[in-house]
């Protein structure tokens, strides 16, 4: 029989609030977003969920307590001692696992000590951002220094690739220009082009095409991207590995809000592409902005669109970072705050809109705040890009007549979107599909 009290590390007389707090701490510690599918921690997370679902429900808890008391009274002192030894061994194993993850620079999971380490150990990643083992020939020409332990990386460069020398570049351009002249001459004189306009076109078009091909073949431009425990980074080099033309490292301690925007475009009901944007802010000030588009209907573009992927995956670890700080924020302020992000006069504006606390959600406005306790929520549903929460006093008597309280959340403008849903689940016990 599983000891749910031991799993959550609470006493048999624990109150609902103590159960909720223990669940939050354990759920955050073993959350699926943190361990990249490691079997041991998946099992731990599922145990924590199971324990919470039984103990938080008064009827299920009462039934469990009866079985619990009967089981331990029947098995007596010897069995209790065995259980205590087993629990002690389990805690020891858990500590060993975390120690292993801490000292192994390539493990995807990390301990609390890793979170406090912002300096990046200089170990190259061995897995890419999608969990695949990297080819040993992949070349990371620059490693980050301030994003904590590296979790994953990606590079467009291989060790065998070398910059082309100036002489080789000249030869390639010369060959391509001669080919273009041959093509132009063959077309103009071969088919007897008379029009001045068409002579110009056939003289310029092959030359432009061949120069473009030559430029593509001689260009040495590559990038490295990294995801770390405490941030992410991207570097670009041109002409040589040492010539870094673009470089940025973003530490999560220097960020307060992330706004992610996705716009699916259609023409005559047919998919034509997806526009995306990532806006990283600190107290309303811009830290980094990335905009672009891709052609993947499923939202999974090719790996060469590295700016999309490094920000997409960084969002996952930014959410984990916020989850790790949840308890500290709740203890200091009593709630977690979420902002609405707007753009006006060339800059972003951040306005507090929601507070999530233990068992409640509060909407902030200039006139009067409105709080929904968990038991006051009638329904939660989405419509378009908005999430609506209805109070139990909300009624829709006629099509044009409504009464009671109902609040909407414009998800397109809500900061830290993923963290909001995780927090809603942990603090209010509401699960989203």
Protein backbone atom coordinates (compact mmCIF):
# COMPACT_ATOMS: atom_id res chain seq x y z
CA UNK A 1 0.00 0.00 0.00
CA UNK A 2 1.36 3.43 -0.96
CA UNK A 3 1.87 5.91 1.85
CA UNK A 4 0.53 9.11 0.31
CA UNK A 5 1.42 11.10 3.43
CA UNK A 6 5.06 10.04 3.14
CA UNK A 7 5.14 10.81 -0.58
CA UNK A 8 4.00 14.39 0.10
CA UNK A 9 6.08 14.52 3.31
CA UNK A 10 3.16 15.58 5.51
CA UNK A 11 1.57 14.23 8.67
CA UNK A 12 -1.67 12.25 8.79
CA UNK A 13 -3.38 15.26 10.42
CA UNK A 14 -2.31 17.70 7.67
CA UNK A 15 -4.85 20.37 6.73
CA UNK A 16 -6.01 21.09 3.19
CA UNK A 17 -3.67 24.07 2.97
CA UNK A 18 -0.72 21.94 4.09
CA UNK A 19 -1.62 19.31 1.47
CA UNK A 20 -1.85 21.96 -1.25
CA UNK A 21 1.48 23.53 -0.28
CA UNK A 22 3.22 20.14 -0.17
CA UNK A 23 1.75 19.27 -3.56
CA UNK A 24 2.91 22.55 -5.10
CA UNK A 25 6.45 22.05 -3.88
CA UNK A 26 6.64 18.43 -5.04
CA UNK A 27 4.82 19.01 -8.34
CA UNK A 28 7.18 21.84 -9.24
CA UNK A 29 10.20 19.77 -8.25
CA UNK A 30 9.25 16.81 -10.45
CA UNK A 31 7.29 18.68 -13.13
CA UNK A 32 7.46 17.05 -16.63
CA UNK A 33 8.81 20.27 -18.14
CA UNK A 34 11.98 19.87 -16.09
CA UNK A 35 13.19 16.32 -16.63
CA UNK A 36 12.87 15.71 -20.37
CA UNK A 37 11.22 12.34 -19.87
CA UNK A 38 13.63 10.79 -17.34
CA UNK A 39 11.76 7.67 -16.12
CA UNK A 40 12.64 8.08 -12.45
CA UNK A 41 11.26 11.60 -12.20
CA UNK A 42 8.20 10.85 -14.35
CA UNK A 43 7.34 8.14 -11.83
CA UNK A 44 7.87 10.55 -8.91
CA UNK A 45 5.63 13.19 -10.48
CA UNK A 46 2.80 10.70 -11.08
CA UNK A 47 3.06 9.52 -7.47
CA UNK A 48 2.76 13.09 -6.23
CA UNK A 49 -0.29 13.71 -8.43
CA UNK A 50 -1.93 10.51 -7.24
CA UNK A 51 -1.28 11.37 -3.60
CA UNK A 52 -2.73 14.86 -3.98
CA UNK A 53 -5.87 13.70 -5.81
CA UNK A 54 -6.64 11.21 -3.02
CA UNK A 55 -5.82 13.38 -0.01
CA UNK A 56 -7.43 16.63 -1.21
CA UNK A 57 -10.80 14.95 -1.76
CA UNK A 58 -12.55 14.54 1.65
CA UNK A 59 -14.41 11.36 0.66
CA UNK A 60 -11.41 9.69 -0.99
CA UNK A 61 -9.21 10.70 1.93
CA UNK A 62 -11.61 9.23 4.47
CA UNK A 63 -11.73 5.94 2.56
CA UNK A 64 -7.94 5.93 2.25
CA UNK A 65 -7.45 6.68 5.97
CA UNK A 66 -9.58 3.67 6.90
CA UNK A 67 -7.47 1.38 4.69
CA UNK A 68 -4.30 3.10 5.88
CA UNK A 69 -5.09 2.55 9.59
CA UNK A 70 -6.20 -1.02 9.00
CA UNK A 71 -3.12 -1.87 6.94
CA UNK A 72 -0.60 -0.55 9.43
CA UNK A 73 -2.42 -1.89 12.50
CA UNK A 74 -2.62 -5.37 10.98
CA UNK A 75 1.01 -5.41 9.94
CA UNK A 76 2.17 -4.08 13.28
CA UNK A 77 5.43 -2.59 14.40
CA UNK A 78 7.64 -4.78 12.21
CA UNK A 79 5.88 -3.73 9.03
CA UNK A 80 6.01 -0.08 10.08
CA UNK A 81 9.72 -0.38 10.59
CA UNK A 82 10.11 -1.92 7.14
CA UNK A 83 8.11 0.94 5.66
CA UNK A 84 10.25 3.49 7.44
CA UNK A 85 13.41 1.79 6.16
CA UNK A 86 11.95 1.65 2.65
CA UNK A 87 11.06 5.36 2.81
CA UNK A 88 14.56 6.16 4.06
CA UNK A 89 16.07 4.19 1.19
CA UNK A 90 13.81 5.99 -1.28
CA UNK A 91 14.92 9.38 0.03
CA UNK A 92 18.54 8.27 -0.18
CA UNK A 93 18.02 7.12 -3.78
CA UNK A 94 16.34 10.41 -4.63
CA UNK A 95 19.29 12.33 -3.22
CA UNK A 96 21.74 10.14 -5.16
CA UNK A 97 19.81 10.77 -8.38
CA UNK A 98 19.89 14.51 -7.86
CA UNK A 99 23.58 14.43 -6.97
CA UNK A 100 24.26 12.48 -10.16
CA UNK A 101 22.37 15.06 -12.19
CA UNK A 102 24.23 17.89 -10.51
CA UNK A 103 27.69 16.50 -11.17
CA UNK A 104 26.95 15.19 -14.66
CA UNK A 105 27.04 18.26 -16.95
CA UNK A 106 25.05 16.50 -19.67
CA UNK A 107 21.98 15.38 -17.72
CA UNK A 108 18.75 17.18 -18.77
CA UNK A 109 17.43 17.46 -15.20
CA UNK A 110 19.00 19.83 -12.69
CA UNK A 111 18.98 20.42 -8.95
CA UNK A 112 18.30 23.52 -6.90
CA UNK A 113 22.03 24.20 -6.78
CA UNK A 114 22.09 24.40 -10.58
CA UNK A 115 19.41 27.08 -10.44
CA UNK A 116 21.67 29.27 -8.31
CA UNK A 117 24.61 28.88 -10.69
CA UNK A 118 24.54 31.53 -13.41
CA UNK A 119 28.08 30.99 -14.63
CA UNK A 120 28.13 28.45 -17.45
CA UNK A 121 30.46 25.43 -17.08
CA UNK A 122 32.42 25.14 -20.33
CA UNK A 123 31.11 21.76 -21.50
CA UNK A 124 29.76 21.38 -25.02
CA UNK A 125 26.20 19.98 -25.20
CA UNK A 126 25.72 16.39 -26.34
CA UNK A 127 22.00 16.64 -27.24
CA UNK A 128 20.16 19.08 -29.48
CA UNK A 129 17.05 21.05 -28.56
CA UNK A 130 14.79 18.19 -29.69
CA UNK A 131 16.44 15.57 -27.50
CA UNK A 132 18.54 13.94 -30.23
CA UNK A 133 22.17 13.01 -29.64
CA UNK A 134 24.48 15.41 -31.44
CA UNK A 135 26.97 14.26 -34.06
CA UNK A 136 30.51 14.44 -32.54
CA UNK A 137 31.54 16.40 -35.66
CA UNK A 138 29.21 19.28 -34.83
CA UNK A 139 31.30 22.37 -34.11
CA UNK A 140 30.42 24.83 -31.34
CA UNK A 141 32.68 27.79 -32.11
CA UNK A 142 31.65 29.76 -29.00
CA UNK A 143 30.15 28.71 -25.67
CA UNK A 144 27.95 30.97 -23.51
CA UNK A 145 29.17 32.17 -20.12
CA UNK A 146 26.12 33.34 -18.14
CA UNK A 147 23.11 31.06 -18.75
CA UNK A 148 23.88 28.39 -16.14
CA UNK A 149 24.50 24.76 -17.00
CA UNK A 150 23.90 24.02 -20.69
CA UNK A 151 20.95 21.70 -21.31
CA UNK A 152 20.97 21.52 -25.11
CA UNK A 153 22.56 23.10 -28.16
CA UNK A 154 22.51 23.26 -31.93
CA UNK A 155 25.05 24.29 -34.54
CA UNK A 156 24.93 24.68 -38.32
CA UNK A 157 28.72 24.19 -38.47
CA UNK A 158 30.76 20.99 -38.70
CA UNK A 159 34.44 20.62 -37.78
CA UNK A 160 35.35 19.65 -41.35
CA UNK A 161 33.98 22.88 -42.81
CA UNK A 162 36.58 25.53 -43.59
CA UNK A 163 36.28 29.15 -44.77
CA UNK A 164 37.12 29.58 -48.46
CA UNK A 165 40.33 31.51 -49.16
CA UNK A 166 40.36 34.77 -51.13
CA UNK A 167 41.95 33.06 -54.14
CA UNK A 168 39.30 30.32 -54.20
CA UNK A 169 36.55 32.93 -53.93
CA UNK A 170 38.00 34.85 -56.91
CA UNK A 171 38.18 31.65 -59.00
CA UNK A 172 34.56 30.71 -58.20
CA UNK A 173 33.26 34.16 -59.04
CA UNK A 174 35.31 34.22 -62.27
CA UNK A 175 34.00 30.81 -63.36
CA UNK A 176 30.40 31.79 -62.62
CA UNK A 177 30.77 35.08 -64.54
CA UNK A 178 32.23 33.24 -67.56
CA UNK A 179 29.33 30.75 -67.44
CA UNK A 180 26.86 33.65 -67.30
CA UNK A 181 28.52 35.33 -70.32
CA UNK A 182 28.37 32.04 -72.24
CA UNK A 183 24.66 31.58 -71.44
CA UNK A 184 23.82 35.17 -72.38
CA UNK A 185 25.78 34.98 -75.66
CA UNK A 186 24.23 31.65 -76.58
CA UNK A 187 20.67 32.92 -76.01
CA UNK A 188 21.09 36.35 -77.65
CA UNK A 189 22.93 35.14 -80.78
CA UNK A 190 21.52 31.61 -80.86
CA UNK A 191 17.89 32.67 -81.19
CA UNK A 192 18.64 36.06 -82.72
CA UNK A 193 17.23 38.42 -80.08
CA UNK A 194 16.63 41.85 -81.68
CA UNK A 195 14.85 43.84 -78.96
CA UNK A 196 17.14 46.09 -76.92
CA UNK A 197 15.08 45.40 -73.80
CA UNK A 198 15.35 41.62 -74.19
CA UNK A 199 19.06 41.83 -74.98
CA UNK A 200 19.52 43.71 -71.70
CA UNK A 201 17.41 41.17 -69.80
CA UNK A 202 19.25 38.15 -71.18
CA UNK A 203 22.59 39.84 -70.50
CA UNK A 204 21.81 40.73 -66.87
CA UNK A 205 19.61 37.83 -65.67
CA UNK A 206 22.16 34.98 -66.10
CA UNK A 207 24.89 37.17 -64.58
CA UNK A 208 22.77 37.97 -61.50
CA UNK A 209 21.83 34.30 -61.11
CA UNK A 210 25.40 33.03 -61.34
CA UNK A 211 26.72 35.67 -58.93
CA UNK A 212 24.02 34.61 -56.45
CA UNK A 213 25.08 30.96 -56.85
CA UNK A 214 28.75 31.92 -56.41
CA UNK A 215 27.97 33.95 -53.31
CA UNK A 216 25.98 31.06 -51.78
CA UNK A 217 28.85 28.65 -52.40
CA UNK A 218 31.60 30.83 -50.97
CA UNK A 219 29.70 32.15 -47.95
CA UNK A 220 30.92 30.97 -44.54
CA UNK A 221 28.18 31.97 -42.10
CA UNK A 222 27.08 29.75 -39.23
CA UNK A 223 25.29 29.91 -35.90
CA UNK A 224 25.26 28.24 -32.48
CA UNK A 225 22.24 28.22 -30.18
CA UNK A 226 22.08 27.10 -26.54
CA UNK A 227 19.46 26.49 -23.88
CA UNK A 228 20.69 26.65 -20.29
CA UNK A 229 19.17 26.17 -16.85
CA UNK A 230 19.05 29.95 -16.39
CA UNK A 231 18.77 31.33 -19.91
CA UNK A 232 19.54 30.96 -23.59
CA UNK A 233 22.09 32.21 -26.11
CA UNK A 234 22.80 32.56 -29.84
CA UNK A 235 26.04 33.32 -31.71
CA UNK A 236 26.75 33.91 -35.40
CA UNK A 237 30.13 33.84 -37.13
CA UNK A 238 31.06 34.97 -40.65
CA UNK A 239 34.14 34.31 -42.80
CA UNK A 240 35.90 32.61 -39.87
CA UNK A 241 35.07 30.93 -36.58
CA UNK A 242 36.68 33.79 -34.67
CA UNK A 243 34.71 36.56 -36.39
CA UNK A 244 31.56 36.71 -34.22
CA UNK A 245 29.09 39.05 -35.95
CA UNK A 246 26.11 38.50 -33.66
CA UNK A 247 26.03 37.49 -30.03
CA UNK A 248 23.45 37.53 -27.28
CA UNK A 249 22.97 35.74 -23.97
CA UNK A 250 19.79 36.25 -21.99
CA UNK A 251 19.75 35.26 -18.34
CA UNK A 252 16.29 34.62 -16.89
CA UNK A 253 17.17 36.77 -13.88
CA UNK A 254 17.15 39.74 -16.29
CA UNK A 255 13.60 39.02 -17.53
CA UNK A 256 10.17 39.51 -15.95
CA UNK A 257 7.79 38.92 -18.87
CA UNK A 258 7.60 36.97 -22.10
CA UNK A 259 4.96 37.75 -24.70
CA UNK A 260 4.57 35.11 -27.40
CA UNK A 261 2.41 35.91 -30.42
CA UNK A 262 1.37 33.45 -33.13
CA UNK A 263 -0.74 34.43 -36.15
CA UNK A 264 -1.94 31.70 -38.52
CA UNK A 265 -2.63 33.18 -41.96
CA UNK A 266 -5.21 31.86 -44.42
CA UNK A 267 -6.42 32.86 -47.86
CA UNK A 268 -9.72 31.46 -49.11
CA UNK A 269 -9.65 29.10 -46.10
CA UNK A 270 -6.27 27.69 -47.20
CA UNK A 271 -3.21 27.87 -44.95
CA UNK A 272 -0.60 30.34 -46.25
CA UNK A 273 1.87 30.59 -43.35
CA UNK A 274 2.41 31.46 -39.71
CA UNK A 275 3.81 34.71 -38.32
CA UNK A 276 5.41 34.57 -34.88
CA UNK A 277 6.95 36.90 -32.35
CA UNK A 278 8.76 36.58 -29.01
CA UNK A 279 9.12 39.67 -26.83
CA UNK A 280 11.29 39.40 -23.71
CA UNK A 281 10.83 42.26 -21.24
CA UNK A 282 12.12 43.36 -17.86
CA UNK A 283 9.63 45.56 -16.01
CA UNK A 284 8.25 46.84 -19.32
CA UNK A 285 11.66 47.48 -20.94
CA UNK A 286 12.61 45.51 -24.02
CA UNK A 287 15.35 42.90 -23.54
CA UNK A 288 15.04 41.02 -26.84
CA UNK A 289 12.50 40.83 -29.65
CA UNK A 290 12.36 38.18 -32.39
CA UNK A 291 9.87 38.21 -35.27
CA UNK A 292 9.54 35.95 -38.27
CA UNK A 293 7.37 33.52 -40.21
CA UNK A 294 7.35 29.87 -41.20
CA UNK A 295 5.34 27.55 -43.42
CA UNK A 296 4.55 24.73 -40.98
CA UNK A 297 0.84 24.26 -40.37
CA UNK A 298 1.69 22.12 -37.30
CA UNK A 299 3.89 24.86 -35.83
CA UNK A 300 7.09 22.85 -36.28
CA UNK A 301 9.26 24.55 -38.90
CA UNK A 302 12.61 23.24 -40.12
CA UNK A 303 15.55 23.31 -37.73
CA UNK A 304 17.35 25.91 -39.83
CA UNK A 305 14.83 28.46 -38.52
CA UNK A 306 16.94 28.63 -35.40
CA UNK A 307 15.62 31.95 -34.07
CA UNK A 308 12.14 30.42 -33.79
CA UNK A 309 13.34 27.22 -32.12
CA UNK A 310 15.73 28.72 -29.59
CA UNK A 311 12.96 31.06 -28.36
CA UNK A 312 10.27 28.39 -28.51
CA UNK A 313 12.30 26.02 -26.34
CA UNK A 314 13.58 28.84 -24.12
CA UNK A 315 9.92 29.57 -23.28
CA UNK A 316 9.62 26.06 -21.80
CA UNK A 317 12.63 26.58 -19.52
CA UNK A 318 11.56 30.12 -18.67
CA UNK A 319 8.31 28.56 -17.41
CA UNK A 320 10.29 26.09 -15.30
CA UNK A 321 12.33 29.00 -13.91
CA UNK A 322 9.11 30.76 -12.86
CA UNK A 323 7.71 27.55 -11.35
CA UNK A 324 10.86 27.18 -9.27
CA UNK A 325 10.33 30.71 -7.91
CA UNK A 326 6.60 30.29 -7.33
CA UNK A 327 6.78 29.43 -3.62
CA UNK A 328 9.14 32.33 -2.91
CA UNK A 329 6.76 34.78 -4.66
CA UNK A 330 3.74 33.41 -2.80
CA UNK A 331 5.50 33.73 0.55
CA UNK A 332 6.67 37.29 -0.10
CA UNK A 333 3.56 38.73 -1.79
CA UNK A 334 0.83 36.13 -1.28
CA UNK A 335 0.12 35.93 -5.02
CA UNK A 336 1.65 35.72 -8.49
CA UNK A 337 1.01 38.61 -10.86
CA UNK A 338 0.48 38.46 -14.62
CA UNK A 339 0.59 41.44 -16.95
CA UNK A 340 -1.08 42.44 -20.18
CA UNK A 341 1.48 43.60 -22.75
CA UNK A 342 0.58 46.31 -25.26
CA UNK A 343 2.52 48.21 -27.91
CA UNK A 344 2.14 51.98 -28.23
CA UNK A 345 4.26 54.82 -29.62
CA UNK A 346 7.15 52.56 -30.49
CA UNK A 347 7.48 50.85 -27.11
CA UNK A 348 5.90 48.08 -25.07
CA UNK A 349 3.68 48.72 -22.09
CA UNK A 350 3.18 46.28 -19.22
CA UNK A 351 0.02 46.58 -17.11
CA UNK A 352 -0.84 44.31 -14.11
CA UNK A 353 -4.06 42.40 -14.87
CA UNK A 354 -4.28 39.14 -12.89
CA UNK A 355 -3.23 37.91 -9.49
CA UNK A 356 -3.21 34.20 -8.75
CA UNK A 357 -3.12 33.09 -5.14
CA UNK A 358 -3.78 29.85 -3.31
CA UNK A 359 -7.35 28.99 -4.23
CA UNK A 360 -8.27 32.24 -5.99
CA UNK A 361 -7.82 34.42 -9.07
CA UNK A 362 -8.18 38.21 -8.87
CA UNK A 363 -8.70 40.62 -11.76
CA UNK A 364 -7.09 44.03 -11.36
CA UNK A 365 -8.61 47.18 -12.81
CA UNK A 366 -8.57 50.89 -12.12
CA UNK A 367 -12.03 50.94 -10.53
CA UNK A 368 -12.33 47.84 -8.39
CA UNK A 369 -10.61 44.47 -8.25
CA UNK A 370 -12.75 41.35 -8.46
CA UNK A 371 -11.76 38.04 -6.86
CA UNK A 372 -12.98 34.54 -7.72
CA UNK A 373 -12.40 31.96 -5.02
CA UNK A 374 -12.11 28.42 -6.35
CA UNK A 375 -15.62 27.50 -5.18
CA UNK A 376 -17.04 30.63 -6.84
CA UNK A 377 -15.99 29.64 -10.36
CA UNK A 378 -18.92 28.42 -12.42
CA UNK A 379 -17.01 27.68 -15.63
CA UNK A 380 -13.78 28.36 -17.50
CA UNK A 381 -13.84 28.31 -21.29
CA UNK A 382 -12.13 29.74 -24.34
CA UNK A 383 -13.64 31.65 -27.22
CA UNK A 384 -11.33 32.77 -30.00
CA UNK A 385 -8.12 33.99 -28.39
CA UNK A 386 -9.79 34.80 -25.06
CA UNK A 387 -10.20 32.78 -21.87
CA UNK A 388 -13.40 33.49 -19.95
CA UNK A 389 -14.08 32.84 -16.26
CA UNK A 390 -17.67 32.95 -15.03
CA UNK A 391 -18.71 33.47 -11.43
CA UNK A 392 -21.45 31.23 -10.02
CA UNK A 393 -23.72 34.31 -9.90
CA UNK A 394 -23.41 34.75 -13.68
CA UNK A 395 -26.63 34.13 -15.61
CA UNK A 396 -27.65 34.44 -19.21
CA UNK A 397 -31.41 34.87 -19.12
CA UNK A 398 -32.00 36.06 -22.63
CA UNK A 399 -29.78 36.45 -25.69
CA UNK A 400 -29.22 40.16 -25.05
CA UNK A 401 -29.51 40.11 -21.27
CA UNK A 402 -26.81 38.93 -18.89
CA UNK A 403 -26.21 39.45 -15.20
CA UNK A 404 -23.51 38.58 -12.70
CA UNK A 405 -19.75 38.49 -13.06
CA UNK A 406 -17.73 37.29 -16.01
CA UNK A 407 -14.14 38.21 -16.83
CA UNK A 408 -12.14 37.65 -19.98
CA UNK A 409 -8.40 37.21 -20.43
CA UNK A 410 -6.96 38.25 -23.84
CA UNK A 411 -4.41 35.46 -24.18
CA UNK A 412 -2.64 37.19 -27.08
CA UNK A 413 -1.55 39.95 -24.70
CA UNK A 414 -1.01 37.89 -21.56
CA UNK A 415 2.59 37.65 -20.38
CA UNK A 416 4.11 34.31 -19.37
CA UNK A 417 1.32 32.41 -21.04
CA UNK A 418 2.53 28.86 -20.21
CA UNK A 419 3.27 29.77 -16.61
CA UNK A 420 -0.25 31.15 -16.19
CA UNK A 421 -1.84 27.81 -17.08
CA UNK A 422 0.60 25.81 -14.94
CA UNK A 423 -0.06 28.15 -11.99
CA UNK A 424 -3.82 28.00 -12.53
CA UNK A 425 -3.61 24.20 -12.28
CA UNK A 426 -1.36 24.19 -9.20
CA UNK A 427 -3.03 27.00 -7.23
CA UNK A 428 -6.69 26.49 -8.11
CA UNK A 429 -6.62 22.79 -8.91
CA UNK A 430 -8.21 23.38 -12.30
CA UNK A 431 -6.92 21.18 -15.13
CA UNK A 432 -6.88 22.31 -18.75
CA UNK A 433 -7.09 19.90 -21.67
